[in-house]
N, C-alpha and C. Protein backbone atom coordinates (compact mmCIF):
# COMPACT_ATOMS: atom_id res chain seq x y z
N UNK A 1 14.38 -32.60 -8.69
CA UNK A 1 13.38 -31.57 -8.57
C UNK A 1 13.85 -30.36 -9.39
N UNK A 2 12.94 -29.82 -10.18
CA UNK A 2 13.33 -28.68 -11.00
C UNK A 2 13.44 -27.41 -10.15
N UNK A 3 14.18 -26.44 -10.65
CA UNK A 3 14.37 -25.18 -9.93
C UNK A 3 13.03 -24.47 -9.74
N UNK A 4 12.19 -24.48 -10.77
CA UNK A 4 10.88 -23.81 -10.68
C UNK A 4 10.01 -24.40 -9.58
N UNK A 5 9.97 -25.71 -9.48
CA UNK A 5 9.20 -26.37 -8.43
C UNK A 5 9.77 -26.05 -7.06
N UNK A 6 11.08 -26.06 -6.95
CA UNK A 6 11.75 -25.73 -5.68
C UNK A 6 11.39 -24.32 -5.24
N UNK A 7 11.46 -23.37 -6.16
CA UNK A 7 11.14 -21.98 -5.84
C UNK A 7 9.68 -21.82 -5.42
N UNK A 8 8.79 -22.52 -6.10
CA UNK A 8 7.37 -22.45 -5.72
C UNK A 8 7.15 -23.01 -4.32
N UNK A 9 7.83 -24.08 -3.99
CA UNK A 9 7.69 -24.66 -2.64
C UNK A 9 8.23 -23.71 -1.57
N UNK A 10 9.36 -23.09 -1.85
CA UNK A 10 9.94 -22.12 -0.91
C UNK A 10 8.98 -20.95 -0.74
N UNK A 11 8.45 -20.44 -1.84
CA UNK A 11 7.51 -19.31 -1.78
C UNK A 11 6.27 -19.68 -0.97
N UNK A 12 5.74 -20.87 -1.19
CA UNK A 12 4.56 -21.31 -0.45
C UNK A 12 4.86 -21.44 1.04
N UNK A 13 6.03 -21.92 1.37
CA UNK A 13 6.43 -22.06 2.77
C UNK A 13 6.55 -20.70 3.44
N UNK A 14 7.14 -19.75 2.74
CA UNK A 14 7.32 -18.41 3.31
C UNK A 14 5.98 -17.71 3.49
N UNK A 15 5.08 -17.85 2.52
CA UNK A 15 3.74 -17.26 2.64
C UNK A 15 3.01 -17.89 3.82
N UNK A 16 3.12 -19.19 4.00
CA UNK A 16 2.47 -19.85 5.13
C UNK A 16 3.05 -19.35 6.44
N UNK A 17 4.34 -19.12 6.51
CA UNK A 17 4.95 -18.57 7.71
C UNK A 17 4.41 -17.17 8.00
N UNK A 18 4.20 -16.38 6.95
CA UNK A 18 3.64 -15.04 7.14
C UNK A 18 2.22 -15.11 7.70
N UNK A 19 1.51 -16.16 7.38
CA UNK A 19 0.16 -16.35 7.93
C UNK A 19 0.23 -16.86 9.37
N UNK A 20 1.15 -17.77 9.64
CA UNK A 20 1.25 -18.40 10.95
C UNK A 20 1.86 -17.48 12.01
N UNK A 21 2.87 -16.72 11.63
CA UNK A 21 3.54 -15.83 12.58
C UNK A 21 3.92 -14.52 11.89
N UNK A 22 2.91 -13.69 11.60
CA UNK A 22 3.17 -12.47 10.83
C UNK A 22 4.09 -11.48 11.53
N UNK A 23 4.04 -11.42 12.84
CA UNK A 23 4.89 -10.48 13.57
C UNK A 23 6.36 -10.87 13.38
N UNK A 24 6.66 -12.13 13.47
CA UNK A 24 8.03 -12.60 13.25
C UNK A 24 8.50 -12.25 11.84
N UNK A 25 7.66 -12.49 10.86
CA UNK A 25 8.02 -12.20 9.48
C UNK A 25 8.32 -10.72 9.30
N UNK A 26 7.48 -9.85 9.87
CA UNK A 26 7.70 -8.41 9.77
C UNK A 26 9.00 -8.01 10.45
N UNK A 27 9.31 -8.61 11.60
CA UNK A 27 10.55 -8.31 12.31
C UNK A 27 11.78 -8.71 11.48
N UNK A 28 11.72 -9.89 10.87
CA UNK A 28 12.84 -10.36 10.06
C UNK A 28 13.03 -9.46 8.84
N UNK A 29 11.94 -9.10 8.18
CA UNK A 29 12.04 -8.21 7.02
C UNK A 29 12.64 -6.87 7.44
N UNK A 30 12.19 -6.33 8.57
CA UNK A 30 12.72 -5.05 9.06
C UNK A 30 14.22 -5.16 9.34
N UNK A 31 14.65 -6.25 9.96
CA UNK A 31 16.08 -6.43 10.24
C UNK A 31 16.90 -6.53 8.96
N UNK A 32 16.36 -7.26 7.97
CA UNK A 32 17.08 -7.40 6.70
C UNK A 32 17.20 -6.06 5.99
N UNK A 33 16.16 -5.26 6.04
CA UNK A 33 16.21 -3.93 5.42
C UNK A 33 17.19 -3.04 6.16
N UNK A 34 17.13 -3.07 7.48
CA UNK A 34 18.02 -2.23 8.30
C UNK A 34 19.48 -2.57 8.08
N UNK A 35 19.77 -3.85 7.94
CA UNK A 35 21.15 -4.28 7.75
C UNK A 35 21.64 -4.08 6.31
N UNK A 36 20.72 -3.77 5.41
CA UNK A 36 21.08 -3.56 4.01
C UNK A 36 21.15 -4.83 3.19
N UNK A 37 20.72 -5.95 3.78
CA UNK A 37 20.76 -7.22 3.05
C UNK A 37 19.71 -7.28 1.95
N UNK A 38 18.62 -6.52 2.12
CA UNK A 38 17.62 -6.41 1.07
C UNK A 38 17.29 -4.94 0.87
N UNK A 39 16.79 -4.61 -0.31
CA UNK A 39 16.40 -3.24 -0.61
C UNK A 39 15.07 -2.93 0.06
N UNK A 40 14.78 -1.66 0.19
CA UNK A 40 13.54 -1.22 0.84
C UNK A 40 12.31 -1.83 0.16
N UNK A 41 12.33 -1.93 -1.16
CA UNK A 41 11.18 -2.45 -1.90
C UNK A 41 11.10 -3.97 -1.97
N UNK A 42 12.12 -4.66 -1.51
CA UNK A 42 12.11 -6.12 -1.55
C UNK A 42 11.15 -6.69 -0.51
N UNK A 43 10.53 -7.77 -0.82
CA UNK A 43 9.63 -8.51 0.06
C UNK A 43 8.38 -7.70 0.46
N UNK A 44 8.01 -6.73 -0.35
CA UNK A 44 6.81 -5.93 -0.06
C UNK A 44 5.57 -6.82 -0.04
N UNK A 45 5.50 -7.74 -0.99
CA UNK A 45 4.35 -8.65 -1.06
C UNK A 45 4.21 -9.45 0.23
N UNK A 46 5.31 -9.97 0.71
CA UNK A 46 5.30 -10.75 1.94
C UNK A 46 4.95 -9.87 3.14
N UNK A 47 5.45 -8.65 3.14
CA UNK A 47 5.14 -7.69 4.20
C UNK A 47 3.64 -7.41 4.23
N UNK A 48 3.02 -7.27 3.07
CA UNK A 48 1.57 -7.02 2.99
C UNK A 48 0.77 -8.21 3.50
N UNK A 49 1.22 -9.41 3.17
CA UNK A 49 0.54 -10.62 3.66
C UNK A 49 0.59 -10.65 5.18
N UNK A 50 1.75 -10.36 5.75
CA UNK A 50 1.90 -10.34 7.20
C UNK A 50 0.99 -9.28 7.82
N UNK A 51 0.94 -8.08 7.22
CA UNK A 51 0.05 -7.02 7.71
C UNK A 51 -1.40 -7.49 7.71
N UNK A 52 -1.79 -8.13 6.64
CA UNK A 52 -3.18 -8.62 6.54
C UNK A 52 -3.50 -9.60 7.65
N UNK A 53 -2.61 -10.53 7.93
CA UNK A 53 -2.87 -11.53 8.96
C UNK A 53 -2.80 -10.93 10.37
N UNK A 54 -2.02 -9.89 10.54
CA UNK A 54 -2.02 -9.19 11.83
C UNK A 54 -3.38 -8.53 12.05
N UNK A 55 -3.92 -7.88 11.00
CA UNK A 55 -5.25 -7.26 11.11
C UNK A 55 -6.33 -8.31 11.38
N UNK A 56 -6.23 -9.45 10.73
CA UNK A 56 -7.21 -10.52 10.96
C UNK A 56 -7.15 -10.99 12.41
N UNK A 57 -5.94 -11.19 12.92
CA UNK A 57 -5.78 -11.64 14.32
C UNK A 57 -6.33 -10.59 15.28
N UNK A 58 -6.07 -9.30 15.01
CA UNK A 58 -6.59 -8.24 15.88
C UNK A 58 -8.11 -8.22 15.83
N UNK A 59 -8.69 -8.40 14.65
CA UNK A 59 -10.14 -8.46 14.52
C UNK A 59 -10.73 -9.63 15.27
N UNK A 60 -10.05 -10.76 15.22
CA UNK A 60 -10.51 -11.94 15.95
C UNK A 60 -10.44 -11.71 17.46
N UNK A 61 -9.38 -11.03 17.91
CA UNK A 61 -9.25 -10.73 19.34
C UNK A 61 -10.38 -9.82 19.78
N UNK A 62 -10.69 -8.80 19.00
CA UNK A 62 -11.77 -7.87 19.34
C UNK A 62 -13.12 -8.58 19.34
N UNK A 63 -13.34 -9.43 18.37
CA UNK A 63 -14.61 -10.17 18.28
C UNK A 63 -14.74 -11.11 19.48
N UNK A 64 -13.64 -11.74 19.87
CA UNK A 64 -13.67 -12.64 21.01
C UNK A 64 -13.90 -11.90 22.32
N UNK A 65 -13.33 -10.71 22.43
CA UNK A 65 -13.49 -9.91 23.65
C UNK A 65 -14.91 -9.40 23.77
N UNK A 66 -15.52 -9.02 22.66
CA UNK A 66 -16.88 -8.49 22.73
C UNK A 66 -17.91 -9.59 22.94
N UNK A 67 -17.57 -10.82 22.62
CA UNK A 67 -18.49 -11.94 22.79
C UNK A 67 -18.57 -12.37 24.25
N UNK A 68 -17.58 -12.02 25.04
CA UNK A 68 -17.55 -12.41 26.45
C UNK A 68 -17.46 -11.17 27.34
N UNK A 69 -18.62 -10.60 27.69
CA UNK A 69 -18.61 -9.38 28.51
C UNK A 69 -18.10 -9.59 29.92
């Protein structure tokens, strides 16, 4: 397997994790930043994906709550 293909697969897996469990992803990124293992600007793209999926989940929760009075 080439390095490029391997990296794409890893990236796709991480993005999927950000969609499946965005809160976990945000917590891990925060811990890595706090410990100094990554720079403040690292993983911003992944952080934004997690934020987006958190907003989607919150919107779904609100829509579900309003559908059942």
